[in-house]
Amino acid sequence: MSILKEGCPGSKEIRTPYPEEVSCFWCNTVNEIWTDEVEADCKKCGKKVTREMRPSCIEWCPAARDCIGAEKYERLMRSVRADSGVTK
C-alpha cells in the first residue's frame, strides 16, 4: 500500500466505506447505502434511492484513480458528471 493510500484523508470514506441510512423519496422506507455508492434499489418499492455525494478530492486530485481504484473512480465520476450536467 502506498503512502498516499495510507495518508489521504479525502478518500477515506470511499476506500473504507460505511453504511448510511437514506429514506426512499416515494415510500419513505429507510434504506442502507454505503458511502462508496451513489444509489441503491429501495428494499420496499424497488425504486432508485440516491444519496447526496459530498464534495470529494476525487474530482480534482490527479492521483484519485490510483488511490481508490479505476473501477470505483469511473463509477463515482459518472455520477459527479451527471450531477453537474457534464457528459463525457
N, C-alpha and C. Protein backbone atom coordinates (compact mmCIF):
# COMPACT_ATOMS: atom_id res chain seq x y z
N MET A 1 0.85 -1.18 0.00
CA MET A 1 0.00 0.00 0.00
C MET A 1 0.89 1.24 0.00
N SER A 2 0.56 2.21 -0.82
CA SER A 2 1.39 3.40 -0.92
C SER A 2 1.15 4.35 0.24
N ILE A 3 2.07 5.26 0.41
CA ILE A 3 1.93 6.28 1.45
C ILE A 3 0.68 7.11 1.17
N LEU A 4 0.42 7.40 -0.10
CA LEU A 4 -0.76 8.18 -0.47
C LEU A 4 -2.03 7.50 0.02
N LYS A 5 -2.16 6.21 -0.21
CA LYS A 5 -3.36 5.49 0.20
C LYS A 5 -3.52 5.48 1.71
N GLU A 6 -2.42 5.40 2.43
CA GLU A 6 -2.49 5.38 3.89
C GLU A 6 -2.77 6.76 4.46
N GLY A 7 -2.32 7.82 3.78
CA GLY A 7 -2.38 9.14 4.36
C GLY A 7 -3.39 10.10 3.79
N CYS A 8 -4.10 9.75 2.73
CA CYS A 8 -5.04 10.68 2.11
C CYS A 8 -6.37 10.66 2.86
N PRO A 9 -6.67 11.71 3.60
CA PRO A 9 -7.93 11.72 4.35
C PRO A 9 -9.15 11.96 3.47
N GLY A 10 -8.95 12.55 2.30
CA GLY A 10 -10.07 12.88 1.42
C GLY A 10 -10.81 11.69 0.86
N SER A 11 -10.12 10.58 0.69
CA SER A 11 -10.77 9.41 0.09
C SER A 11 -11.09 8.33 1.12
N LYS A 12 -10.97 8.64 2.39
CA LYS A 12 -11.17 7.62 3.44
C LYS A 12 -12.54 6.94 3.35
N GLU A 13 -13.62 7.72 3.20
CA GLU A 13 -14.94 7.10 3.18
C GLU A 13 -15.21 6.33 1.90
N ILE A 14 -14.39 6.54 0.88
CA ILE A 14 -14.51 5.77 -0.35
C ILE A 14 -13.69 4.48 -0.24
N ARG A 15 -12.49 4.59 0.31
CA ARG A 15 -11.63 3.42 0.46
C ARG A 15 -12.11 2.51 1.59
N THR A 16 -12.68 3.10 2.64
CA THR A 16 -13.20 2.34 3.78
C THR A 16 -14.66 2.74 3.98
N PRO A 17 -15.55 2.25 3.12
CA PRO A 17 -16.94 2.70 3.18
C PRO A 17 -17.66 2.24 4.44
N TYR A 18 -18.69 2.99 4.78
CA TYR A 18 -19.56 2.64 5.89
C TYR A 18 -21.00 2.91 5.45
N PRO A 19 -21.97 2.26 6.10
CA PRO A 19 -23.36 2.43 5.67
C PRO A 19 -23.97 3.73 6.20
N GLU A 20 -24.84 4.31 5.38
CA GLU A 20 -25.64 5.46 5.78
C GLU A 20 -27.10 5.11 5.53
N GLU A 21 -27.99 5.66 6.34
CA GLU A 21 -29.41 5.43 6.14
C GLU A 21 -30.01 6.57 5.34
N VAL A 22 -30.75 6.20 4.28
CA VAL A 22 -31.39 7.18 3.40
C VAL A 22 -32.85 6.75 3.22
N SER A 23 -33.76 7.70 3.42
CA SER A 23 -35.18 7.39 3.25
C SER A 23 -35.56 7.46 1.77
N CYS A 24 -36.40 6.53 1.37
CA CYS A 24 -36.90 6.50 -0.01
C CYS A 24 -37.83 7.69 -0.23
N PHE A 25 -37.63 8.39 -1.32
CA PHE A 25 -38.45 9.55 -1.67
C PHE A 25 -39.91 9.15 -1.88
N TRP A 26 -40.16 7.96 -2.42
CA TRP A 26 -41.50 7.53 -2.79
C TRP A 26 -42.27 6.86 -1.66
N CYS A 27 -41.64 5.99 -0.89
CA CYS A 27 -42.39 5.25 0.13
C CYS A 27 -41.90 5.51 1.55
N ASN A 28 -40.87 6.32 1.70
CA ASN A 28 -40.31 6.73 2.99
C ASN A 28 -39.66 5.59 3.78
N THR A 29 -39.39 4.47 3.15
CA THR A 29 -38.70 3.37 3.81
C THR A 29 -37.22 3.73 3.96
N VAL A 30 -36.67 3.42 5.13
CA VAL A 30 -35.25 3.69 5.36
C VAL A 30 -34.42 2.58 4.70
N ASN A 31 -33.45 2.98 3.90
CA ASN A 31 -32.58 2.05 3.18
C ASN A 31 -31.14 2.34 3.53
N GLU A 32 -30.31 1.33 3.38
CA GLU A 32 -28.88 1.46 3.65
C GLU A 32 -28.13 1.65 2.33
N ILE A 33 -27.33 2.72 2.27
CA ILE A 33 -26.46 2.96 1.12
C ILE A 33 -25.07 3.19 1.67
N TRP A 34 -24.09 2.51 1.10
CA TRP A 34 -22.71 2.66 1.55
C TRP A 34 -22.10 3.93 0.99
N THR A 35 -21.13 4.49 1.69
CA THR A 35 -20.54 5.77 1.30
C THR A 35 -19.77 5.72 -0.01
N ASP A 36 -19.49 4.55 -0.53
CA ASP A 36 -18.84 4.47 -1.84
C ASP A 36 -19.86 4.17 -2.94
N GLU A 37 -21.14 4.30 -2.62
CA GLU A 37 -22.21 4.09 -3.59
C GLU A 37 -23.02 5.38 -3.74
N VAL A 38 -23.62 5.55 -4.88
CA VAL A 38 -24.45 6.72 -5.14
C VAL A 38 -25.92 6.38 -5.02
N GLU A 39 -26.28 5.15 -5.42
CA GLU A 39 -27.68 4.76 -5.41
C GLU A 39 -27.84 3.29 -5.08
N ALA A 40 -29.08 2.96 -4.71
CA ALA A 40 -29.45 1.57 -4.43
C ALA A 40 -30.94 1.44 -4.73
N ASP A 41 -31.41 0.21 -4.84
CA ASP A 41 -32.84 -0.02 -5.03
C ASP A 41 -33.51 -0.07 -3.66
N CYS A 42 -34.66 0.60 -3.54
CA CYS A 42 -35.41 0.60 -2.29
C CYS A 42 -35.84 -0.83 -1.98
N LYS A 43 -35.64 -1.23 -0.73
CA LYS A 43 -35.96 -2.60 -0.34
C LYS A 43 -37.47 -2.86 -0.27
N LYS A 44 -38.29 -1.78 -0.28
CA LYS A 44 -39.73 -1.97 -0.24
C LYS A 44 -40.38 -1.79 -1.61
N CYS A 45 -40.15 -0.63 -2.24
CA CYS A 45 -40.85 -0.35 -3.51
C CYS A 45 -40.00 -0.61 -4.75
N GLY A 46 -38.69 -0.80 -4.57
CA GLY A 46 -37.82 -1.13 -5.70
C GLY A 46 -37.34 0.05 -6.53
N LYS A 47 -37.78 1.26 -6.21
CA LYS A 47 -37.32 2.43 -6.97
C LYS A 47 -35.92 2.82 -6.52
N LYS A 48 -35.25 3.62 -7.35
CA LYS A 48 -33.88 4.05 -7.04
C LYS A 48 -33.88 5.05 -5.88
N VAL A 49 -33.02 4.77 -4.91
CA VAL A 49 -32.80 5.67 -3.78
C VAL A 49 -31.38 6.19 -3.95
N THR A 50 -31.23 7.50 -3.88
CA THR A 50 -29.90 8.08 -4.06
C THR A 50 -29.47 8.83 -2.80
N ARG A 51 -28.17 8.92 -2.64
CA ARG A 51 -27.65 9.72 -1.54
C ARG A 51 -26.83 10.85 -2.13
N GLU A 52 -26.82 11.95 -1.43
CA GLU A 52 -26.05 13.10 -1.89
C GLU A 52 -24.57 12.83 -1.69
N MET A 53 -23.81 12.97 -2.75
CA MET A 53 -22.36 12.80 -2.65
C MET A 53 -21.75 14.07 -2.09
N ARG A 54 -20.93 13.90 -1.08
CA ARG A 54 -20.22 15.05 -0.51
C ARG A 54 -19.10 15.45 -1.47
N PRO A 55 -18.69 16.72 -1.44
CA PRO A 55 -17.53 17.10 -2.25
C PRO A 55 -16.34 16.22 -1.90
N SER A 56 -15.60 15.83 -2.89
CA SER A 56 -14.52 14.88 -2.67
C SER A 56 -13.30 15.23 -3.52
N CYS A 57 -12.16 14.83 -3.03
CA CYS A 57 -10.90 15.07 -3.74
C CYS A 57 -10.84 14.29 -5.05
N ILE A 58 -11.69 13.28 -5.22
CA ILE A 58 -11.62 12.51 -6.47
C ILE A 58 -11.95 13.37 -7.68
N GLU A 59 -12.62 14.50 -7.45
CA GLU A 59 -12.98 15.39 -8.56
C GLU A 59 -11.79 16.18 -9.09
N TRP A 60 -10.77 16.40 -8.29
CA TRP A 60 -9.66 17.24 -8.74
C TRP A 60 -8.27 16.62 -8.56
N CYS A 61 -8.13 15.62 -7.75
CA CYS A 61 -6.81 15.06 -7.45
C CYS A 61 -6.30 14.20 -8.62
N PRO A 62 -5.10 14.48 -9.11
CA PRO A 62 -4.56 13.69 -10.23
C PRO A 62 -4.26 12.23 -9.85
N ALA A 63 -4.17 11.92 -8.57
CA ALA A 63 -3.88 10.56 -8.13
C ALA A 63 -5.14 9.78 -7.75
N ALA A 64 -6.31 10.38 -7.92
CA ALA A 64 -7.56 9.76 -7.45
C ALA A 64 -7.81 8.38 -8.04
N ARG A 65 -7.60 8.22 -9.33
CA ARG A 65 -7.85 6.92 -9.98
C ARG A 65 -7.00 5.82 -9.34
N ASP A 66 -5.73 6.10 -9.08
CA ASP A 66 -4.85 5.11 -8.44
C ASP A 66 -5.20 4.92 -6.97
N CYS A 67 -5.62 5.98 -6.31
CA CYS A 67 -5.89 5.95 -4.88
C CYS A 67 -7.08 5.05 -4.54
N ILE A 68 -8.19 5.20 -5.29
CA ILE A 68 -9.39 4.43 -4.97
C ILE A 68 -9.66 3.29 -5.93
N GLY A 69 -8.91 3.21 -7.00
CA GLY A 69 -9.09 2.15 -7.99
C GLY A 69 -9.89 2.64 -9.19
N ALA A 70 -9.51 2.17 -10.37
CA ALA A 70 -10.09 2.66 -11.62
C ALA A 70 -11.60 2.42 -11.71
N GLU A 71 -12.06 1.23 -11.33
CA GLU A 71 -13.48 0.91 -11.46
C GLU A 71 -14.34 1.81 -10.58
N LYS A 72 -13.95 1.95 -9.31
CA LYS A 72 -14.71 2.80 -8.39
C LYS A 72 -14.63 4.26 -8.82
N TYR A 73 -13.45 4.69 -9.28
CA TYR A 73 -13.27 6.06 -9.75
C TYR A 73 -14.22 6.36 -10.91
N GLU A 74 -14.28 5.49 -11.90
CA GLU A 74 -15.15 5.71 -13.06
C GLU A 74 -16.62 5.75 -12.65
N ARG A 75 -17.02 4.85 -11.77
CA ARG A 75 -18.42 4.80 -11.32
C ARG A 75 -18.80 6.10 -10.60
N LEU A 76 -17.96 6.56 -9.70
CA LEU A 76 -18.26 7.78 -8.95
C LEU A 76 -18.19 9.02 -9.83
N MET A 77 -17.24 9.06 -10.75
CA MET A 77 -17.12 10.23 -11.63
C MET A 77 -18.30 10.32 -12.61
N ARG A 78 -18.88 9.19 -13.01
CA ARG A 78 -20.08 9.23 -13.85
C ARG A 78 -21.19 9.98 -13.11
N SER A 79 -21.32 9.71 -11.82
CA SER A 79 -22.33 10.38 -11.01
C SER A 79 -22.02 11.86 -10.86
N VAL A 80 -20.76 12.20 -10.63
CA VAL A 80 -20.36 13.60 -10.49
C VAL A 80 -20.65 14.35 -11.78
N ARG A 81 -20.30 13.76 -12.92
CA ARG A 81 -20.55 14.40 -14.21
C ARG A 81 -22.04 14.56 -14.48
N ALA A 82 -22.83 13.55 -14.12
CA ALA A 82 -24.28 13.62 -14.32
C ALA A 82 -24.88 14.73 -13.47
N ASP A 83 -24.42 14.84 -12.22
CA ASP A 83 -24.93 15.89 -11.33
C ASP A 83 -24.59 17.28 -11.83
N SER A 84 -23.44 17.42 -12.49
CA SER A 84 -23.01 18.74 -12.96
C SER A 84 -23.47 19.02 -14.39
N GLY A 85 -24.10 18.03 -15.03
CA GLY A 85 -24.56 18.21 -16.40
C GLY A 85 -23.49 18.01 -17.45
N VAL A 86 -22.32 17.53 -17.06
CA VAL A 86 -21.22 17.29 -17.99
C VAL A 86 -21.36 15.90 -18.56
N THR A 87 -21.24 15.76 -19.86
CA THR A 87 -21.27 14.44 -20.48
C THR A 87 -19.90 14.14 -21.03
N LYS A 88 -19.42 12.95 -20.77
CA LYS A 88 -18.09 12.54 -21.23
C LYS A 88 -17.98 11.05 -21.26
